[in-house]
Amino acid sequence: MLRRAAPVATVEVAPNEPLALPRRSFLPRYLLGIGVLAGSALAALGLGSTAIDPESIARIVLSHLPGIELDEDISATWRSIIWEIRLPRVLLAGLAGATLAMAGATYQGVFRNPLAEPYLIGVATGANLAATIVVVSGASLAWHGLSLLPVAAFAGALASVGAAYAVARFGRAAPSTTLILAGVALSSLSTAVTTYLMIKNTSNSLTIFSSVLGGFNGTRWVEIAWVLPYVVIAPVVILAHGRILNVLSLDDEQARHLGIDVERTKLVLLGAASLAAAAAVAVSGTIGFVGLIVPHAVRLVWGPDNRQLLPMTILLGAAFLIGADLLARTLDSPSEIPVGIITAFFGVPFFLYLLRRSGGAAYL
């Protein structure tokens, strides 16, 4: 069971300043993050059963811009591989990784608990339960060419988070500890019901596992279009609260003394993070550790200031999941490993390192 841990950020608040943090140039860090992201995306586009050189990749992508024709001497097979198969997959993996990492950093700041991650209050289990219900119901999984599984998963994730908040709310406030406990309880219930439905409907187990385990095989452009509004709006809201999140990472009472409406701000931040995480889970399945280890890695290197932490987690979260997906589809080719297994292989050792490094004190 999670308990309130030591603050994620340790900074001094001056009496007449919303937050006093050392000012440094963010640009070199952002350029580094953009470079890492671009390198992972280029590798993911070029590597696979058919290797394609960077120049051809650039020409294929640019040729889809209005008025540009650069791919006349490139084979139709290569054009199809890049534009129809690899590029949508890389973009969706990047969006999911960026969203989960950003949501994890937001949860850790709001709850002041380094174990917090995007699935803490039921996003993943709610999505899995809803998707399982659709599969075992025997209903058509497609409607006018649109898969109903992501829609059901999205609705289930939001319903689970909403139920956790409703249970935890007392008056106008939802105490963090109560919200976490409500999320854990509802997650356990959702997992139990999902497991029961799988046992009773073994013929659909493969479809359910494909939805639950997570991955980007068969990604289409329509899935990116479906998830894009949520994963664009949420970061705008959260990034605008970077300085306020620094204060929330310290103490609620201190935040109130500085004129911050704590409960309203928490609701906005958790709502935006949960909405984005729900959209990511709906199209990619449950992929663990991204929202837990990426914010920690960024915090170890660049410190706890959320004005820098949040943008860097977005960039490096996208790069991390793109790289993990590349390994998932190439390590055991022509078979494919669920990407959640790859992230666990990286996430578990890193998490154990964090526990060892801190002596476990900050995590209990």
Protein backbone atom coordinates (compact mmCIF):
# COMPACT_ATOMS: atom_id res chain seq x y z
CA MET A 1 0.00 0.00 0.00
CA LEU A 2 1.30 3.44 -0.84
CA ARG A 3 1.94 5.95 1.87
CA ARG A 4 2.74 9.59 1.72
CA ALA A 5 6.45 9.90 1.02
CA ALA A 6 9.00 12.65 1.26
CA PRO A 7 8.38 15.56 -1.13
CA VAL A 8 9.49 14.94 -4.67
CA ALA A 9 10.90 18.46 -4.90
CA THR A 10 12.92 20.31 -2.27
CA VAL A 11 13.03 24.03 -2.94
CA GLU A 12 12.75 27.23 -0.93
CA VAL A 13 9.76 29.55 -1.26
CA ALA A 14 10.46 33.22 -0.71
CA PRO A 15 7.75 35.33 1.01
CA ASN A 16 7.05 37.55 -2.00
CA GLU A 17 7.78 35.04 -4.75
CA PRO A 18 5.46 32.26 -5.99
CA LEU A 19 8.49 30.00 -6.14
CA ALA A 20 12.21 30.70 -5.90
CA LEU A 21 14.26 28.41 -8.10
CA PRO A 22 17.61 29.03 -9.76
CA ARG A 23 17.21 30.29 -13.32
CA ARG A 24 19.13 28.37 -15.94
CA SER A 25 18.98 28.18 -19.68
CA PHE A 26 16.52 25.48 -20.67
CA LEU A 27 17.40 25.56 -24.37
CA PRO A 28 20.43 23.18 -24.37
CA ARG A 29 18.41 20.58 -22.50
CA TYR A 30 15.48 20.85 -24.86
CA LEU A 31 17.77 20.58 -27.87
CA LEU A 32 19.32 17.45 -26.37
CA GLY A 33 15.88 15.95 -25.77
CA ILE A 34 14.78 16.78 -29.31
CA GLY A 35 17.97 15.19 -30.66
CA VAL A 36 17.41 11.97 -28.69
CA LEU A 37 13.79 11.84 -29.86
CA ALA A 38 14.74 12.45 -33.51
CA GLY A 39 17.44 9.77 -33.34
CA SER A 40 15.10 7.14 -31.89
CA ALA A 41 12.39 7.97 -34.44
CA LEU A 42 14.83 7.75 -37.35
CA ALA A 43 16.14 4.39 -36.11
CA ALA A 44 12.60 3.05 -35.71
CA LEU A 45 11.67 4.17 -39.23
CA GLY A 46 14.78 2.73 -40.85
CA LEU A 47 15.32 -0.57 -39.03
CA GLY A 48 13.37 -3.77 -39.40
CA SER A 49 13.02 -6.72 -41.76
CA THR A 50 13.61 -4.19 -44.56
CA ALA A 51 16.33 -1.63 -43.81
CA ILE A 52 15.73 1.81 -45.33
CA ASP A 53 18.35 4.56 -45.37
CA PRO A 54 17.68 7.99 -43.76
CA GLU A 55 17.78 9.88 -47.09
CA SER A 56 15.02 7.70 -48.55
CA ILE A 57 12.97 8.07 -45.38
CA ALA A 58 13.22 11.84 -45.55
CA ARG A 59 12.28 11.89 -49.23
CA ILE A 60 9.25 9.64 -48.68
CA VAL A 61 7.97 11.72 -45.76
CA LEU A 62 8.58 15.07 -47.46
CA SER A 63 6.88 13.87 -50.64
CA HIS A 64 3.59 13.72 -48.77
CA LEU A 65 3.73 17.47 -48.21
CA PRO A 66 1.75 19.54 -50.73
CA GLY A 67 3.68 20.41 -53.90
CA ILE A 68 6.74 18.26 -53.14
CA GLU A 69 7.73 15.22 -55.21
CA LEU A 70 11.00 13.57 -54.17
CA ASP A 71 10.23 9.85 -54.19
CA GLU A 72 9.89 9.07 -57.91
CA ASP A 73 12.87 6.71 -57.93
CA ILE A 74 11.99 5.02 -54.63
CA SER A 75 10.21 1.67 -54.80
CA ALA A 76 6.51 1.50 -54.03
CA THR A 77 7.27 -1.14 -51.40
CA TRP A 78 9.51 1.23 -49.46
CA ARG A 79 6.96 4.01 -49.72
CA SER A 80 4.26 1.73 -48.37
CA ILE A 81 6.47 0.45 -45.51
CA ILE A 82 7.34 3.96 -44.33
CA TRP A 83 4.07 5.81 -44.84
CA GLU A 84 1.50 3.11 -44.16
CA ILE A 85 3.23 0.91 -41.56
CA ARG A 86 6.21 2.39 -39.73
CA LEU A 87 5.43 6.12 -39.56
CA PRO A 88 1.97 5.75 -37.94
CA ARG A 89 3.44 3.23 -35.51
CA VAL A 90 6.34 5.49 -34.55
CA LEU A 91 4.08 8.52 -34.13
CA LEU A 92 1.59 6.64 -31.94
CA ALA A 93 4.38 5.16 -29.82
CA GLY A 94 5.84 8.64 -29.40
CA LEU A 95 2.48 10.15 -28.44
CA ALA A 96 1.77 7.36 -25.95
CA GLY A 97 5.25 7.56 -24.41
CA ALA A 98 5.12 11.34 -24.09
CA THR A 99 1.65 11.21 -22.57
CA LEU A 100 2.38 8.48 -20.03
CA ALA A 101 5.66 10.10 -18.93
CA MET A 102 4.01 13.51 -18.54
CA ALA A 103 1.07 12.01 -16.64
CA GLY A 104 3.46 10.15 -14.34
CA ALA A 105 5.39 13.33 -13.53
CA THR A 106 2.11 15.14 -12.84
CA TYR A 107 0.82 12.40 -10.52
CA GLN A 108 4.12 12.32 -8.62
CA GLY A 109 3.97 16.08 -8.10
CA VAL A 110 0.32 16.24 -7.07
CA PHE A 111 0.46 13.23 -4.74
CA ARG A 112 4.00 14.03 -3.55
CA ASN A 113 4.78 10.34 -3.87
CA PRO A 114 7.58 8.98 -6.09
CA LEU A 115 5.67 5.72 -6.59
CA ALA A 116 2.78 7.50 -8.28
CA GLU A 117 2.25 6.66 -11.95
CA PRO A 118 -0.49 7.16 -14.56
CA TYR A 119 -2.40 4.00 -13.63
CA LEU A 120 -2.56 4.77 -9.91
CA ILE A 121 -6.28 5.59 -9.68
CA GLY A 122 -7.64 3.05 -12.13
CA VAL A 123 -7.00 4.24 -15.68
CA ALA A 124 -5.52 0.95 -16.89
CA THR A 125 -7.79 -1.49 -15.06
CA GLY A 126 -10.91 0.43 -16.05
CA ALA A 127 -9.83 0.43 -19.68
CA ASN A 128 -9.03 -3.30 -19.57
CA LEU A 129 -12.38 -4.17 -18.00
CA ALA A 130 -14.38 -2.18 -20.55
CA ALA A 131 -12.45 -3.68 -23.46
CA THR A 132 -12.95 -7.18 -22.03
CA ILE A 133 -16.71 -6.63 -21.66
CA VAL A 134 -16.96 -5.58 -25.32
CA VAL A 135 -14.99 -8.64 -26.47
CA VAL A 136 -16.92 -11.23 -24.44
CA SER A 137 -20.31 -9.66 -25.20
CA GLY A 138 -20.11 -10.90 -28.76
CA ALA A 139 -20.85 -7.45 -30.13
CA SER A 140 -19.23 -6.35 -33.37
CA LEU A 141 -15.77 -4.92 -32.69
CA ALA A 142 -16.03 -2.49 -35.60
CA TRP A 143 -18.51 0.20 -36.55
CA HIS A 144 -18.22 1.91 -39.94
CA GLY A 145 -14.55 0.91 -40.08
CA LEU A 146 -13.82 2.24 -36.57
CA SER A 147 -12.73 -0.23 -33.89
CA LEU A 148 -14.95 -0.12 -30.82
CA LEU A 149 -12.24 -1.41 -28.47
CA PRO A 150 -10.39 1.93 -28.09
CA VAL A 151 -13.69 3.75 -27.56
CA ALA A 152 -14.76 1.25 -24.89
CA ALA A 153 -11.33 1.33 -23.22
CA PHE A 154 -11.36 5.13 -23.14
CA ALA A 155 -14.83 5.20 -21.59
CA GLY A 156 -13.87 2.55 -19.05
CA ALA A 157 -10.73 4.42 -18.02
CA LEU A 158 -12.62 7.66 -17.48
CA ALA A 159 -15.40 5.87 -15.60
CA SER A 160 -12.87 4.24 -13.25
CA VAL A 161 -11.12 7.53 -12.49
CA GLY A 162 -14.46 9.28 -12.01
CA ALA A 163 -15.64 6.58 -9.61
CA ALA A 164 -12.43 6.80 -7.58
CA TYR A 165 -12.77 10.57 -7.30
CA ALA A 166 -16.46 10.32 -6.34
CA VAL A 167 -15.68 7.81 -3.57
CA ALA A 168 -12.76 9.86 -2.24
CA ARG A 169 -14.50 13.23 -2.29
CA PHE A 170 -15.66 14.74 1.01
CA GLY A 171 -17.36 18.07 0.54
CA ARG A 172 -15.31 20.06 -1.94
CA ALA A 173 -12.07 18.16 -1.32
CA ALA A 174 -10.69 14.74 -2.26
CA PRO A 175 -7.76 13.95 0.09
CA SER A 176 -4.82 12.47 -1.78
CA THR A 177 -4.47 9.42 0.46
CA THR A 178 -8.18 8.62 0.20
CA LEU A 179 -8.09 9.05 -3.57
CA ILE A 180 -5.15 6.65 -3.87
CA LEU A 181 -6.86 4.07 -1.66
CA ALA A 182 -10.10 4.38 -3.62
CA GLY A 183 -8.17 3.91 -6.85
CA VAL A 184 -6.38 0.84 -5.52
CA ALA A 185 -9.64 -0.72 -4.32
CA LEU A 186 -11.49 -0.09 -7.59
CA SER A 187 -8.48 -1.32 -9.58
CA SER A 188 -8.51 -4.58 -7.62
CA LEU A 189 -12.23 -5.00 -8.29
CA SER A 190 -11.81 -4.28 -12.02
CA THR A 191 -8.93 -6.76 -12.24
CA ALA A 192 -10.98 -9.44 -10.49
CA VAL A 193 -13.95 -8.98 -12.83
CA THR A 194 -11.66 -8.94 -15.88
CA THR A 195 -9.98 -12.16 -14.77
CA TYR A 196 -13.35 -13.84 -14.19
CA LEU A 197 -14.59 -12.86 -17.65
CA MET A 198 -11.41 -14.21 -19.23
CA ILE A 199 -11.77 -17.53 -17.40
CA LYS A 200 -15.39 -17.84 -18.50
CA ASN A 201 -14.59 -16.93 -22.12
CA THR A 202 -11.33 -18.67 -22.94
CA SER A 203 -12.06 -18.56 -26.69
CA ASN A 204 -11.61 -14.77 -26.59
CA SER A 205 -8.46 -14.80 -24.43
CA LEU A 206 -6.10 -13.95 -27.29
CA THR A 207 -8.11 -10.88 -28.29
CA ILE A 208 -8.31 -9.76 -24.66
CA PHE A 209 -4.59 -10.30 -24.05
CA SER A 210 -3.76 -8.33 -27.20
CA SER A 211 -5.77 -5.43 -25.86
CA VAL A 212 -4.47 -5.67 -22.29
CA LEU A 213 -0.75 -6.26 -22.87
CA GLY A 214 -0.26 -3.28 -25.12
CA GLY A 215 1.51 -2.68 -28.39
CA PHE A 216 1.45 -0.81 -31.66
CA ASN A 217 1.21 -3.56 -34.24
CA GLY A 218 -1.26 -2.66 -36.97
CA THR A 219 -1.39 1.03 -36.07
CA ARG A 220 -3.29 3.16 -38.58
CA TRP A 221 -3.49 6.89 -39.16
CA VAL A 222 -7.09 6.96 -37.86
CA GLU A 223 -5.89 5.95 -34.38
CA ILE A 224 -3.50 8.89 -34.30
CA ALA A 225 -6.27 11.24 -35.37
CA TRP A 226 -8.52 9.82 -32.67
CA VAL A 227 -6.04 10.28 -29.82
CA LEU A 228 -4.38 13.51 -30.95
CA PRO A 229 -6.84 16.07 -29.46
CA TYR A 230 -6.46 14.59 -25.97
CA VAL A 231 -2.67 14.32 -26.02
CA VAL A 232 -2.31 17.88 -27.30
CA ILE A 233 -4.74 19.68 -24.99
CA ALA A 234 -3.61 17.94 -21.78
CA PRO A 235 0.09 18.93 -22.05
CA VAL A 236 -0.90 22.54 -22.70
CA VAL A 237 -2.92 22.58 -19.47
CA ILE A 238 -0.27 20.78 -17.41
CA LEU A 239 2.70 22.77 -18.73
CA ALA A 240 0.87 25.99 -17.88
CA HIS A 241 0.79 24.80 -14.24
CA GLY A 242 4.50 23.98 -14.02
CA ARG A 243 5.33 26.67 -11.45
CA ILE A 244 2.20 25.91 -9.41
CA LEU A 245 3.03 22.20 -9.44
CA ASN A 246 6.38 23.09 -7.86
CA VAL A 247 4.50 24.57 -4.92
CA LEU A 248 2.07 21.64 -4.68
CA SER A 249 5.07 19.31 -4.55
CA LEU A 250 6.01 20.94 -1.24
CA ASP A 251 2.91 21.31 0.92
CA ASP A 252 -0.79 22.11 0.50
CA GLU A 253 -0.80 24.62 3.33
CA GLN A 254 2.11 26.52 1.84
CA ALA A 255 0.32 26.57 -1.49
CA ARG A 256 -2.82 28.02 0.11
CA HIS A 257 -0.77 30.77 1.77
CA LEU A 258 0.49 31.70 -1.68
CA GLY A 259 -3.07 32.13 -2.95
CA ILE A 260 -3.44 28.83 -4.82
CA ASP A 261 -6.81 27.09 -4.89
CA VAL A 262 -5.30 23.70 -4.02
CA GLU A 263 -8.31 21.43 -4.56
CA ARG A 264 -9.30 23.06 -7.84
CA THR A 265 -5.71 22.93 -9.12
CA LYS A 266 -5.33 19.28 -8.16
CA LEU A 267 -8.59 18.45 -9.92
CA VAL A 268 -7.47 20.24 -13.09
CA LEU A 269 -4.04 18.58 -13.12
CA LEU A 270 -5.28 15.08 -12.29
CA GLY A 271 -8.16 15.46 -14.74
CA ALA A 272 -5.88 16.50 -17.59
CA ALA A 273 -3.30 13.80 -16.82
CA SER A 274 -5.94 11.09 -16.45
CA LEU A 275 -7.73 12.12 -19.65
CA ALA A 276 -4.50 11.97 -21.64
CA ALA A 277 -3.45 8.66 -20.04
CA ALA A 278 -6.88 7.19 -20.77
CA ALA A 279 -6.55 8.15 -24.44
CA ALA A 280 -3.08 6.61 -24.60
CA VAL A 281 -4.20 3.36 -22.95
CA ALA A 282 -7.22 3.19 -25.25
CA VAL A 283 -5.06 2.97 -28.39
CA SER A 284 -1.92 1.29 -27.05
CA GLY A 285 -3.05 -0.96 -24.21
CA THR A 286 -1.43 -1.09 -20.79
CA ILE A 287 2.28 -0.31 -21.04
CA GLY A 288 3.96 -0.14 -17.68
CA PHE A 289 6.91 1.75 -16.18
CA VAL A 290 7.02 4.61 -18.73
CA GLY A 291 5.23 7.00 -16.40
CA LEU A 292 7.27 5.83 -13.44
CA ILE A 293 10.90 5.68 -14.56
CA VAL A 294 11.11 8.48 -17.15
CA PRO A 295 10.21 11.29 -14.70
CA HIS A 296 12.67 9.83 -12.18
CA ALA A 297 15.45 9.65 -14.77
CA VAL A 298 14.86 13.26 -15.80
CA ARG A 299 14.71 14.36 -12.16
CA LEU A 300 18.02 12.65 -11.39
CA VAL A 301 19.78 14.45 -14.24
CA TRP A 302 18.09 17.86 -14.34
CA GLY A 303 16.48 18.34 -10.96
CA PRO A 304 12.91 18.68 -9.67
CA ASP A 305 11.82 21.99 -11.25
CA ASN A 306 8.60 21.07 -13.07
CA ARG A 307 9.08 23.89 -15.56
CA GLN A 308 11.95 21.82 -16.96
CA LEU A 309 10.89 18.38 -15.76
CA LEU A 310 7.58 18.27 -17.64
CA PRO A 311 8.88 19.24 -21.11
CA MET A 312 11.85 16.89 -20.79
CA THR A 313 9.65 13.98 -19.70
CA ILE A 314 7.49 14.57 -22.77
CA LEU A 315 10.50 14.43 -25.11
CA LEU A 316 12.31 11.55 -23.43
CA GLY A 317 9.12 9.59 -22.73
CA ALA A 318 8.37 9.63 -26.45
CA ALA A 319 11.95 8.61 -27.30
CA PHE A 320 11.93 5.81 -24.70
CA LEU A 321 8.72 4.17 -25.92
CA ILE A 322 9.70 4.50 -29.59
CA GLY A 323 12.97 2.72 -28.76
CA ALA A 324 11.18 0.06 -26.69
CA ASP A 325 8.75 -0.59 -29.55
CA LEU A 326 11.67 -0.92 -31.98
CA LEU A 327 13.19 -3.61 -29.74
CA ALA A 328 9.80 -5.29 -29.37
CA ARG A 329 9.43 -5.82 -33.12
CA THR A 330 13.06 -6.64 -33.97
CA LEU A 331 14.49 -8.76 -31.13
CA ASP A 332 12.45 -11.84 -31.98
CA SER A 333 11.65 -11.14 -35.62
CA PRO A 334 9.41 -12.17 -37.36
CA SER A 335 7.51 -12.59 -34.08
CA GLU A 336 6.77 -9.58 -31.93
CA ILE A 337 7.26 -9.17 -28.18
CA PRO A 338 4.60 -7.17 -26.29
CA VAL A 339 6.16 -3.78 -25.73
CA GLY A 340 5.16 -3.86 -22.05
CA ILE A 341 7.64 -6.70 -21.54
CA ILE A 342 10.43 -4.56 -22.99
CA THR A 343 9.58 -1.58 -20.77
CA ALA A 344 9.50 -3.91 -17.74
CA PHE A 345 13.00 -5.21 -18.54
CA PHE A 346 14.26 -1.62 -18.43
CA GLY A 347 11.92 -0.39 -15.72
CA VAL A 348 12.39 -3.01 -13.01
CA PRO A 349 16.23 -2.73 -12.77
CA PHE A 350 16.00 1.06 -12.80
CA PHE A 351 13.35 1.03 -10.10
CA LEU A 352 15.41 -1.35 -7.94
CA TYR A 353 18.37 0.98 -8.42
CA LEU A 354 16.28 3.88 -7.13
CA LEU A 355 15.21 1.87 -4.10
CA ARG A 356 18.81 0.89 -3.38
CA ARG A 357 20.07 4.41 -3.92
CA SER A 358 17.58 5.91 -1.48
CA GLY A 359 17.76 3.08 1.04
CA GLY A 360 14.02 2.62 0.48
CA ALA A 361 13.20 5.41 2.92
CA ALA A 362 11.57 7.74 0.40
CA TYR A 363 9.38 5.07 -1.07
CA LEU A 364 7.58 3.70 1.97
